[in-house]
Amino acid sequence: MKKILLISDTHSFIDDKILKYCRQADEVWHAGDIGSLKVIDKIKQIKPVRAVFGNIDDKLIRADFPLDNIFTIEGVRVWITHIGGYPNNYNYRIKEEIIKNPPNLFISGHSHILKVQFDKKLNLLHMNPGAVGKYGIHKIRTMLRFEIENKNIKKLEVIEIEKRV
């Protein structure tokens, strides 16, 4: 069993509120727009990180992380990308591949809008954790926490850190 903390769109921001939840996870997954490697370095001091680069990320971040991170954990095939869209509106870059070879769990960021949606056509779960940083259109900083065990995704929680003023 793995406890996962899913974050996105930190835009160079990390604080003790985020790190508190990182400590409770087995792994932290970042769906892009990291902003600064300092964010990843702080998380890596606590837990292992899987991440992708986003559209605002510089060449240093792009050198460390892929555009797409596809892996299997606890029997669940996962695909993380920053700009991926969502069921019935996948990004043109990935649309053909996701239809041809869908993962069990598809994760994207970018929109700053928290969304969890099941794609009945492709039989996959889509997650977007919203944005946990302080830059962007979102009103509330959000993350997702869940467990993966024996091909099952369970105990999904939305974490609202604070309203932005």
N, C-alpha and C. Protein backbone atom coordinates (compact mmCIF):
# COMPACT_ATOMS: atom_id res chain seq x y z
N MET A 1 0.84 -1.18 0.00
CA MET A 1 0.00 0.00 0.00
C MET A 1 0.88 1.24 0.00
N LYS A 2 0.49 2.22 -0.81
CA LYS A 2 1.22 3.48 -0.89
C LYS A 2 0.26 4.63 -0.62
N LYS A 3 0.68 5.55 0.24
CA LYS A 3 -0.06 6.79 0.50
C LYS A 3 0.55 7.87 -0.38
N ILE A 4 -0.30 8.49 -1.19
CA ILE A 4 0.16 9.46 -2.18
C ILE A 4 -0.39 10.84 -1.85
N LEU A 5 0.48 11.85 -1.93
CA LEU A 5 0.05 13.24 -1.89
C LEU A 5 0.26 13.78 -3.29
N LEU A 6 -0.81 14.28 -3.91
CA LEU A 6 -0.76 14.80 -5.27
C LEU A 6 -0.90 16.32 -5.23
N ILE A 7 0.11 17.00 -5.79
CA ILE A 7 0.10 18.46 -5.82
C ILE A 7 0.39 18.94 -7.25
N SER A 8 0.12 20.20 -7.49
CA SER A 8 0.44 20.80 -8.77
C SER A 8 0.52 22.31 -8.62
N ASP A 9 1.13 22.93 -9.59
CA ASP A 9 1.14 24.38 -9.73
C ASP A 9 1.58 25.10 -8.45
N THR A 10 2.77 24.70 -7.98
CA THR A 10 3.35 25.39 -6.83
C THR A 10 3.89 26.76 -7.22
N HIS A 11 4.31 26.91 -8.46
CA HIS A 11 4.84 28.19 -8.95
C HIS A 11 5.89 28.77 -7.98
N SER A 12 6.84 27.94 -7.60
CA SER A 12 7.98 28.29 -6.73
C SER A 12 7.62 28.43 -5.26
N PHE A 13 6.38 28.13 -4.88
CA PHE A 13 5.96 28.32 -3.50
C PHE A 13 5.87 26.99 -2.75
N ILE A 14 6.46 26.96 -1.57
CA ILE A 14 6.34 25.81 -0.67
C ILE A 14 6.32 26.35 0.75
N ASP A 15 5.48 25.79 1.58
CA ASP A 15 5.41 26.25 2.97
C ASP A 15 5.21 25.07 3.91
N ASP A 16 5.19 25.35 5.20
CA ASP A 16 5.05 24.29 6.19
C ASP A 16 3.70 23.58 6.10
N LYS A 17 2.68 24.27 5.61
CA LYS A 17 1.37 23.62 5.47
C LYS A 17 1.43 22.51 4.44
N ILE A 18 2.12 22.74 3.34
CA ILE A 18 2.30 21.70 2.32
C ILE A 18 3.20 20.59 2.86
N LEU A 19 4.30 20.97 3.47
CA LEU A 19 5.27 19.99 3.97
C LEU A 19 4.68 19.09 5.04
N LYS A 20 3.75 19.60 5.82
CA LYS A 20 3.07 18.78 6.84
C LYS A 20 2.39 17.59 6.18
N TYR A 21 1.72 17.82 5.06
CA TYR A 21 1.05 16.72 4.36
C TYR A 21 2.04 15.83 3.62
N CYS A 22 3.15 16.39 3.17
CA CYS A 22 4.19 15.58 2.55
C CYS A 22 4.70 14.53 3.53
N ARG A 23 4.88 14.92 4.77
CA ARG A 23 5.38 14.00 5.80
C ARG A 23 4.45 12.81 6.02
N GLN A 24 3.17 12.98 5.77
CA GLN A 24 2.17 11.93 6.00
C GLN A 24 2.06 10.96 4.84
N ALA A 25 2.70 11.27 3.71
CA ALA A 25 2.61 10.43 2.51
C ALA A 25 3.82 9.51 2.39
N ASP A 26 3.67 8.49 1.55
CA ASP A 26 4.82 7.66 1.19
C ASP A 26 5.56 8.26 0.00
N GLU A 27 4.79 8.87 -0.91
CA GLU A 27 5.36 9.53 -2.08
C GLU A 27 4.58 10.81 -2.34
N VAL A 28 5.26 11.80 -2.93
CA VAL A 28 4.62 13.04 -3.35
C VAL A 28 4.73 13.10 -4.87
N TRP A 29 3.59 13.33 -5.53
CA TRP A 29 3.55 13.46 -6.98
C TRP A 29 3.23 14.91 -7.32
N HIS A 30 4.00 15.49 -8.22
CA HIS A 30 3.82 16.89 -8.62
C HIS A 30 3.48 16.93 -10.11
N ALA A 31 2.32 17.52 -10.44
CA ALA A 31 1.82 17.54 -11.81
C ALA A 31 2.22 18.81 -12.57
N GLY A 32 3.38 19.36 -12.26
CA GLY A 32 3.96 20.41 -13.08
C GLY A 32 3.71 21.84 -12.64
N ASP A 33 4.40 22.75 -13.32
CA ASP A 33 4.53 24.15 -12.92
C ASP A 33 5.12 24.22 -11.51
N ILE A 34 6.26 23.57 -11.40
CA ILE A 34 7.02 23.52 -10.15
C ILE A 34 7.54 24.92 -9.81
N GLY A 35 8.13 25.57 -10.80
CA GLY A 35 8.59 26.94 -10.63
C GLY A 35 10.04 27.07 -10.19
N SER A 36 10.45 26.27 -9.24
CA SER A 36 11.82 26.30 -8.73
C SER A 36 12.19 24.93 -8.19
N LEU A 37 13.42 24.52 -8.45
CA LEU A 37 13.88 23.24 -7.90
C LEU A 37 13.95 23.26 -6.38
N LYS A 38 13.93 24.43 -5.76
CA LYS A 38 13.90 24.52 -4.30
C LYS A 38 12.66 23.84 -3.74
N VAL A 39 11.55 23.92 -4.47
CA VAL A 39 10.32 23.24 -4.05
C VAL A 39 10.56 21.74 -3.97
N ILE A 40 11.11 21.17 -5.04
CA ILE A 40 11.37 19.73 -5.09
C ILE A 40 12.41 19.34 -4.05
N ASP A 41 13.45 20.15 -3.90
CA ASP A 41 14.51 19.84 -2.93
C ASP A 41 13.95 19.75 -1.51
N LYS A 42 13.06 20.65 -1.15
CA LYS A 42 12.46 20.61 0.19
C LYS A 42 11.61 19.36 0.39
N ILE A 43 10.85 19.00 -0.64
CA ILE A 43 10.01 17.79 -0.54
C ILE A 43 10.89 16.55 -0.49
N LYS A 44 11.94 16.51 -1.32
CA LYS A 44 12.83 15.34 -1.37
C LYS A 44 13.55 15.11 -0.05
N GLN A 45 13.70 16.14 0.76
CA GLN A 45 14.30 15.97 2.08
C GLN A 45 13.39 15.13 2.98
N ILE A 46 12.12 15.07 2.63
CA ILE A 46 11.13 14.37 3.44
C ILE A 46 10.69 13.06 2.82
N LYS A 47 10.33 13.10 1.52
CA LYS A 47 9.75 11.93 0.84
C LYS A 47 10.21 11.85 -0.62
N PRO A 48 10.09 10.67 -1.23
CA PRO A 48 10.38 10.55 -2.66
C PRO A 48 9.36 11.35 -3.49
N VAL A 49 9.84 11.87 -4.62
CA VAL A 49 9.00 12.70 -5.49
C VAL A 49 8.98 12.12 -6.90
N ARG A 50 7.80 12.11 -7.49
CA ARG A 50 7.64 11.85 -8.92
C ARG A 50 7.01 13.12 -9.47
N ALA A 51 7.53 13.61 -10.60
CA ALA A 51 7.03 14.88 -11.10
C ALA A 51 7.17 14.96 -12.62
N VAL A 52 6.51 15.97 -13.17
CA VAL A 52 6.64 16.35 -14.57
C VAL A 52 6.87 17.85 -14.62
N PHE A 53 7.44 18.32 -15.73
CA PHE A 53 7.59 19.77 -15.86
C PHE A 53 6.32 20.36 -16.45
N GLY A 54 6.10 21.63 -16.14
CA GLY A 54 4.95 22.35 -16.67
C GLY A 54 5.40 23.46 -17.60
N ASN A 55 4.44 24.18 -18.12
CA ASN A 55 4.73 25.20 -19.13
C ASN A 55 5.54 26.39 -18.59
N ILE A 56 5.55 26.63 -17.28
CA ILE A 56 6.34 27.75 -16.75
C ILE A 56 7.74 27.31 -16.31
N ASP A 57 8.00 26.02 -16.34
CA ASP A 57 9.25 25.51 -15.78
C ASP A 57 10.43 25.73 -16.73
N ASP A 58 11.57 26.08 -16.13
CA ASP A 58 12.77 26.42 -16.89
C ASP A 58 13.54 25.17 -17.31
N LYS A 59 14.68 25.40 -17.99
CA LYS A 59 15.46 24.29 -18.53
C LYS A 59 16.06 23.40 -17.45
N LEU A 60 16.31 23.94 -16.26
CA LEU A 60 16.83 23.11 -15.17
C LEU A 60 15.79 22.08 -14.72
N ILE A 61 14.57 22.53 -14.56
CA ILE A 61 13.49 21.62 -14.16
C ILE A 61 13.20 20.63 -15.29
N ARG A 62 13.21 21.13 -16.52
CA ARG A 62 12.95 20.26 -17.68
C ARG A 62 14.06 19.21 -17.84
N ALA A 63 15.25 19.51 -17.38
CA ALA A 63 16.34 18.53 -17.43
C ALA A 63 16.16 17.44 -16.38
N ASP A 64 15.49 17.77 -15.27
CA ASP A 64 15.30 16.80 -14.19
C ASP A 64 14.03 15.97 -14.30
N PHE A 65 13.01 16.52 -14.97
CA PHE A 65 11.71 15.85 -15.01
C PHE A 65 11.17 15.77 -16.43
N PRO A 66 10.41 14.71 -16.73
CA PRO A 66 9.88 14.54 -18.09
C PRO A 66 8.59 15.33 -18.32
N LEU A 67 8.20 15.40 -19.58
CA LEU A 67 6.90 15.97 -19.96
C LEU A 67 5.78 15.04 -19.51
N ASP A 68 6.01 13.74 -19.68
CA ASP A 68 5.06 12.70 -19.27
C ASP A 68 5.79 11.73 -18.35
N ASN A 69 5.16 11.38 -17.25
CA ASN A 69 5.72 10.38 -16.34
C ASN A 69 4.72 9.24 -16.28
N ILE A 70 5.09 8.13 -16.89
CA ILE A 70 4.21 6.96 -16.97
C ILE A 70 4.89 5.83 -16.21
N PHE A 71 4.17 5.26 -15.24
CA PHE A 71 4.73 4.22 -14.39
C PHE A 71 3.60 3.37 -13.81
N THR A 72 3.97 2.25 -13.23
CA THR A 72 3.00 1.38 -12.56
C THR A 72 3.39 1.27 -11.10
N ILE A 73 2.40 1.43 -10.24
CA ILE A 73 2.60 1.32 -8.79
C ILE A 73 1.42 0.55 -8.20
N GLU A 74 1.73 -0.49 -7.42
CA GLU A 74 0.69 -1.31 -6.80
C GLU A 74 -0.32 -1.82 -7.83
N GLY A 75 0.17 -2.11 -9.04
CA GLY A 75 -0.69 -2.65 -10.10
C GLY A 75 -1.53 -1.61 -10.82
N VAL A 76 -1.35 -0.33 -10.51
CA VAL A 76 -2.09 0.75 -11.16
C VAL A 76 -1.15 1.46 -12.14
N ARG A 77 -1.55 1.51 -13.42
CA ARG A 77 -0.76 2.23 -14.42
C ARG A 77 -1.15 3.70 -14.34
N VAL A 78 -0.16 4.56 -14.13
CA VAL A 78 -0.36 5.99 -13.90
C VAL A 78 0.30 6.78 -15.03
N TRP A 79 -0.37 7.83 -15.46
CA TRP A 79 0.20 8.75 -16.44
C TRP A 79 0.02 10.15 -15.88
N ILE A 80 1.14 10.84 -15.62
CA ILE A 80 1.10 12.23 -15.15
C ILE A 80 1.66 13.12 -16.25
N THR A 81 0.95 14.19 -16.56
CA THR A 81 1.42 15.22 -17.47
C THR A 81 0.82 16.54 -17.02
N HIS A 82 1.43 17.65 -17.37
CA HIS A 82 0.93 18.93 -16.88
C HIS A 82 -0.31 19.40 -17.64
N ILE A 83 -0.20 19.49 -18.96
CA ILE A 83 -1.33 19.94 -19.78
C ILE A 83 -1.91 18.73 -20.48
N GLY A 84 -2.91 18.11 -19.85
CA GLY A 84 -3.46 16.88 -20.38
C GLY A 84 -4.94 16.91 -20.67
N GLY A 85 -5.61 17.93 -20.15
CA GLY A 85 -7.06 17.96 -20.32
C GLY A 85 -7.74 17.02 -19.34
N TYR A 86 -8.94 16.61 -19.72
CA TYR A 86 -9.77 15.77 -18.84
C TYR A 86 -10.74 14.99 -19.71
N PRO A 87 -11.48 14.03 -19.15
CA PRO A 87 -12.37 13.20 -19.96
C PRO A 87 -13.26 14.02 -20.90
N ASN A 88 -13.34 13.54 -22.13
CA ASN A 88 -14.08 14.16 -23.24
C ASN A 88 -13.44 15.46 -23.72
N ASN A 89 -12.28 15.83 -23.16
CA ASN A 89 -11.59 17.04 -23.61
C ASN A 89 -10.08 16.91 -23.36
N TYR A 90 -9.52 15.78 -23.82
CA TYR A 90 -8.09 15.57 -23.65
C TYR A 90 -7.30 16.48 -24.59
N ASN A 91 -6.11 16.86 -24.17
CA ASN A 91 -5.23 17.68 -24.97
C ASN A 91 -4.87 16.96 -26.26
N TYR A 92 -4.81 17.68 -27.36
CA TYR A 92 -4.52 17.10 -28.67
C TYR A 92 -3.22 16.30 -28.68
N ARG A 93 -2.23 16.72 -27.88
CA ARG A 93 -0.92 16.05 -27.87
C ARG A 93 -1.01 14.61 -27.38
N ILE A 94 -1.92 14.35 -26.48
CA ILE A 94 -1.99 13.01 -25.87
C ILE A 94 -3.24 12.23 -26.27
N LYS A 95 -4.18 12.88 -26.92
CA LYS A 95 -5.49 12.28 -27.17
C LYS A 95 -5.41 10.90 -27.84
N GLU A 96 -4.66 10.81 -28.91
CA GLU A 96 -4.57 9.54 -29.64
C GLU A 96 -3.98 8.43 -28.77
N GLU A 97 -2.91 8.75 -28.05
CA GLU A 97 -2.24 7.74 -27.22
C GLU A 97 -3.10 7.32 -26.02
N ILE A 98 -3.81 8.27 -25.40
CA ILE A 98 -4.61 7.92 -24.24
C ILE A 98 -5.82 7.06 -24.63
N ILE A 99 -6.32 7.27 -25.85
CA ILE A 99 -7.42 6.43 -26.34
C ILE A 99 -6.91 5.05 -26.69
N LYS A 100 -5.73 4.99 -27.30
CA LYS A 100 -5.14 3.72 -27.73
C LYS A 100 -4.65 2.89 -26.54
N ASN A 101 -4.09 3.55 -25.53
CA ASN A 101 -3.46 2.85 -24.42
C ASN A 101 -3.74 3.57 -23.10
N PRO A 102 -4.99 3.56 -22.65
CA PRO A 102 -5.34 4.34 -21.45
C PRO A 102 -4.71 3.79 -20.17
N PRO A 103 -4.26 4.70 -19.31
CA PRO A 103 -3.79 4.27 -17.99
C PRO A 103 -5.00 4.01 -17.09
N ASN A 104 -4.75 3.51 -15.90
CA ASN A 104 -5.82 3.40 -14.91
C ASN A 104 -6.09 4.74 -14.25
N LEU A 105 -5.01 5.52 -14.08
CA LEU A 105 -5.08 6.82 -13.42
C LEU A 105 -4.36 7.85 -14.28
N PHE A 106 -5.10 8.87 -14.70
CA PHE A 106 -4.54 9.94 -15.52
C PHE A 106 -4.56 11.23 -14.71
N ILE A 107 -3.38 11.84 -14.56
CA ILE A 107 -3.23 13.03 -13.72
C ILE A 107 -2.71 14.19 -14.56
N SER A 108 -3.36 15.34 -14.39
CA SER A 108 -2.87 16.56 -15.02
C SER A 108 -3.00 17.71 -14.04
N GLY A 109 -2.36 18.81 -14.38
CA GLY A 109 -2.44 20.03 -13.59
C GLY A 109 -2.90 21.16 -14.50
N HIS A 110 -2.23 22.29 -14.44
CA HIS A 110 -2.34 23.42 -15.35
C HIS A 110 -3.56 24.32 -15.14
N SER A 111 -4.74 23.76 -14.98
CA SER A 111 -5.96 24.57 -14.95
C SER A 111 -6.16 25.31 -13.63
N HIS A 112 -5.50 24.87 -12.58
CA HIS A 112 -5.68 25.38 -11.22
C HIS A 112 -7.09 25.06 -10.70
N ILE A 113 -7.78 24.15 -11.37
CA ILE A 113 -9.14 23.76 -10.97
C ILE A 113 -9.10 22.31 -10.52
N LEU A 114 -9.43 22.08 -9.25
CA LEU A 114 -9.47 20.73 -8.72
C LEU A 114 -10.59 19.95 -9.41
N LYS A 115 -10.24 18.76 -9.90
CA LYS A 115 -11.23 17.94 -10.59
C LYS A 115 -10.87 16.47 -10.43
N VAL A 116 -11.85 15.67 -10.06
CA VAL A 116 -11.71 14.22 -10.06
C VAL A 116 -12.90 13.69 -10.85
N GLN A 117 -12.60 12.94 -11.91
CA GLN A 117 -13.66 12.53 -12.82
C GLN A 117 -13.33 11.16 -13.39
N PHE A 118 -14.33 10.28 -13.45
CA PHE A 118 -14.14 8.97 -14.04
C PHE A 118 -14.52 9.03 -15.51
N ASP A 119 -13.64 8.53 -16.37
CA ASP A 119 -13.90 8.45 -17.80
C ASP A 119 -14.46 7.07 -18.10
N LYS A 120 -15.76 6.99 -18.30
CA LYS A 120 -16.42 5.70 -18.56
C LYS A 120 -16.00 5.10 -19.89
N LYS A 121 -15.74 5.95 -20.88
CA LYS A 121 -15.35 5.45 -22.20
C LYS A 121 -14.00 4.74 -22.15
N LEU A 122 -13.06 5.32 -21.42
CA LEU A 122 -11.71 4.76 -21.36
C LEU A 122 -11.44 3.97 -20.09
N ASN A 123 -12.40 3.93 -19.19
CA ASN A 123 -12.28 3.19 -17.94
C ASN A 123 -11.04 3.64 -17.16
N LEU A 124 -10.93 4.97 -16.98
CA LEU A 124 -9.80 5.51 -16.22
C LEU A 124 -10.30 6.59 -15.28
N LEU A 125 -9.54 6.81 -14.23
CA LEU A 125 -9.83 7.87 -13.28
C LEU A 125 -8.92 9.04 -13.59
N HIS A 126 -9.50 10.22 -13.72
CA HIS A 126 -8.73 11.44 -13.95
C HIS A 126 -8.70 12.26 -12.67
N MET A 127 -7.51 12.79 -12.35
CA MET A 127 -7.35 13.67 -11.19
C MET A 127 -6.57 14.92 -11.59
N ASN A 128 -7.04 16.05 -11.13
CA ASN A 128 -6.29 17.29 -11.18
C ASN A 128 -6.38 17.87 -9.77
N PRO A 129 -5.25 18.03 -9.08
CA PRO A 129 -5.30 18.47 -7.69
C PRO A 129 -5.54 19.96 -7.50
N GLY A 130 -5.77 20.69 -8.59
CA GLY A 130 -5.90 22.14 -8.46
C GLY A 130 -4.51 22.74 -8.30
N ALA A 131 -4.41 23.82 -7.56
CA ALA A 131 -3.12 24.48 -7.37
C ALA A 131 -2.86 24.69 -5.89
N VAL A 132 -1.64 24.37 -5.46
CA VAL A 132 -1.28 24.52 -4.06
C VAL A 132 -0.41 25.76 -3.82
N GLY A 133 0.03 26.38 -4.90
CA GLY A 133 0.81 27.60 -4.79
C GLY A 133 -0.08 28.82 -4.59
N LYS A 134 0.55 29.97 -4.55
CA LYS A 134 -0.21 31.21 -4.31
C LYS A 134 -0.42 32.03 -5.58
N TYR A 135 0.13 31.60 -6.71
CA TYR A 135 -0.01 32.34 -7.95
C TYR A 135 -1.09 31.68 -8.82
N GLY A 136 -2.00 32.48 -9.37
CA GLY A 136 -2.97 31.95 -10.32
C GLY A 136 -4.39 32.35 -9.99
N ILE A 137 -5.32 31.76 -10.73
CA ILE A 137 -6.73 32.14 -10.65
C ILE A 137 -7.50 31.49 -9.50
N HIS A 138 -6.95 30.45 -8.93
CA HIS A 138 -7.68 29.70 -7.91
C HIS A 138 -7.92 30.53 -6.65
N LYS A 139 -9.01 30.24 -5.99
CA LYS A 139 -9.37 30.96 -4.76
C LYS A 139 -8.91 30.21 -3.51
N ILE A 140 -8.81 28.89 -3.64
CA ILE A 140 -8.42 28.04 -2.51
C ILE A 140 -7.25 27.16 -2.93
N ARG A 141 -6.23 27.09 -2.11
CA ARG A 141 -5.09 26.21 -2.37
C ARG A 141 -5.50 24.78 -2.04
N THR A 142 -5.31 23.87 -3.01
CA THR A 142 -5.79 22.50 -2.84
C THR A 142 -4.74 21.45 -3.22
N MET A 143 -4.94 20.27 -2.65
CA MET A 143 -4.14 19.08 -2.94
C MET A 143 -5.08 17.88 -2.87
N LEU A 144 -4.61 16.74 -3.34
CA LEU A 144 -5.35 15.49 -3.20
C LEU A 144 -4.46 14.48 -2.47
N ARG A 145 -5.12 13.66 -1.66
CA ARG A 145 -4.42 12.59 -0.95
C ARG A 145 -5.23 11.32 -1.16
N PHE A 146 -4.52 10.21 -1.42
CA PHE A 146 -5.20 8.93 -1.64
C PHE A 146 -4.23 7.79 -1.39
N GLU A 147 -4.78 6.59 -1.39
CA GLU A 147 -3.97 5.39 -1.24
C GLU A 147 -4.14 4.51 -2.46
N ILE A 148 -3.08 3.79 -2.80
CA ILE A 148 -3.12 2.80 -3.87
C ILE A 148 -2.69 1.47 -3.27
N GLU A 149 -3.53 0.47 -3.46
CA GLU A 149 -3.22 -0.86 -2.92
C GLU A 149 -3.86 -1.93 -3.78
N ASN A 150 -3.06 -2.89 -4.21
CA ASN A 150 -3.57 -4.03 -4.98
C ASN A 150 -4.50 -3.61 -6.10
N LYS A 151 -4.03 -2.71 -6.96
CA LYS A 151 -4.77 -2.23 -8.14
C LYS A 151 -5.97 -1.34 -7.79
N ASN A 152 -6.10 -0.93 -6.53
CA ASN A 152 -7.23 -0.10 -6.11
C ASN A 152 -6.76 1.27 -5.65
N ILE A 153 -7.52 2.28 -6.04
CA ILE A 153 -7.31 3.65 -5.58
C ILE A 153 -8.41 3.91 -4.55
N LYS A 154 -8.02 4.26 -3.34
CA LYS A 154 -9.02 4.38 -2.28
C LYS A 154 -8.67 5.53 -1.33
N LYS A 155 -9.60 5.84 -0.46
CA LYS A 155 -9.44 6.87 0.57
C LYS A 155 -9.03 8.22 -0.02
N LEU A 156 -9.67 8.59 -1.12
CA LEU A 156 -9.37 9.87 -1.77
C LEU A 156 -9.90 11.02 -0.93
N GLU A 157 -9.02 11.99 -0.67
CA GLU A 157 -9.39 13.17 0.13
C GLU A 157 -8.98 14.44 -0.61
N VAL A 158 -9.84 15.42 -0.55
CA VAL A 158 -9.49 16.77 -1.01
C VAL A 158 -8.96 17.53 0.21
N ILE A 159 -7.81 18.14 0.04
CA ILE A 159 -7.23 18.94 1.11
C ILE A 159 -7.28 20.40 0.68
N GLU A 160 -8.02 21.19 1.42
CA GLU A 160 -8.06 22.63 1.19
C GLU A 160 -7.17 23.29 2.23
N ILE A 161 -6.12 23.94 1.79
CA ILE A 161 -5.17 24.52 2.73
C ILE A 161 -5.67 25.86 3.26
N GLU A 162 -6.01 26.75 2.35
CA GLU A 162 -6.49 28.06 2.80
C GLU A 162 -7.07 28.81 1.63
N LYS A 163 -7.93 29.75 1.95
CA LYS A 163 -8.43 30.67 0.93
C LYS A 163 -7.37 31.71 0.67
N ARG A 164 -7.25 32.07 -0.62
CA ARG A 164 -6.31 33.13 -0.99
C ARG A 164 -7.04 34.47 -0.90
N VAL A 165 -6.34 35.46 -0.41
CA VAL A 165 -6.96 36.80 -0.32
C VAL A 165 -6.30 37.76 -1.28
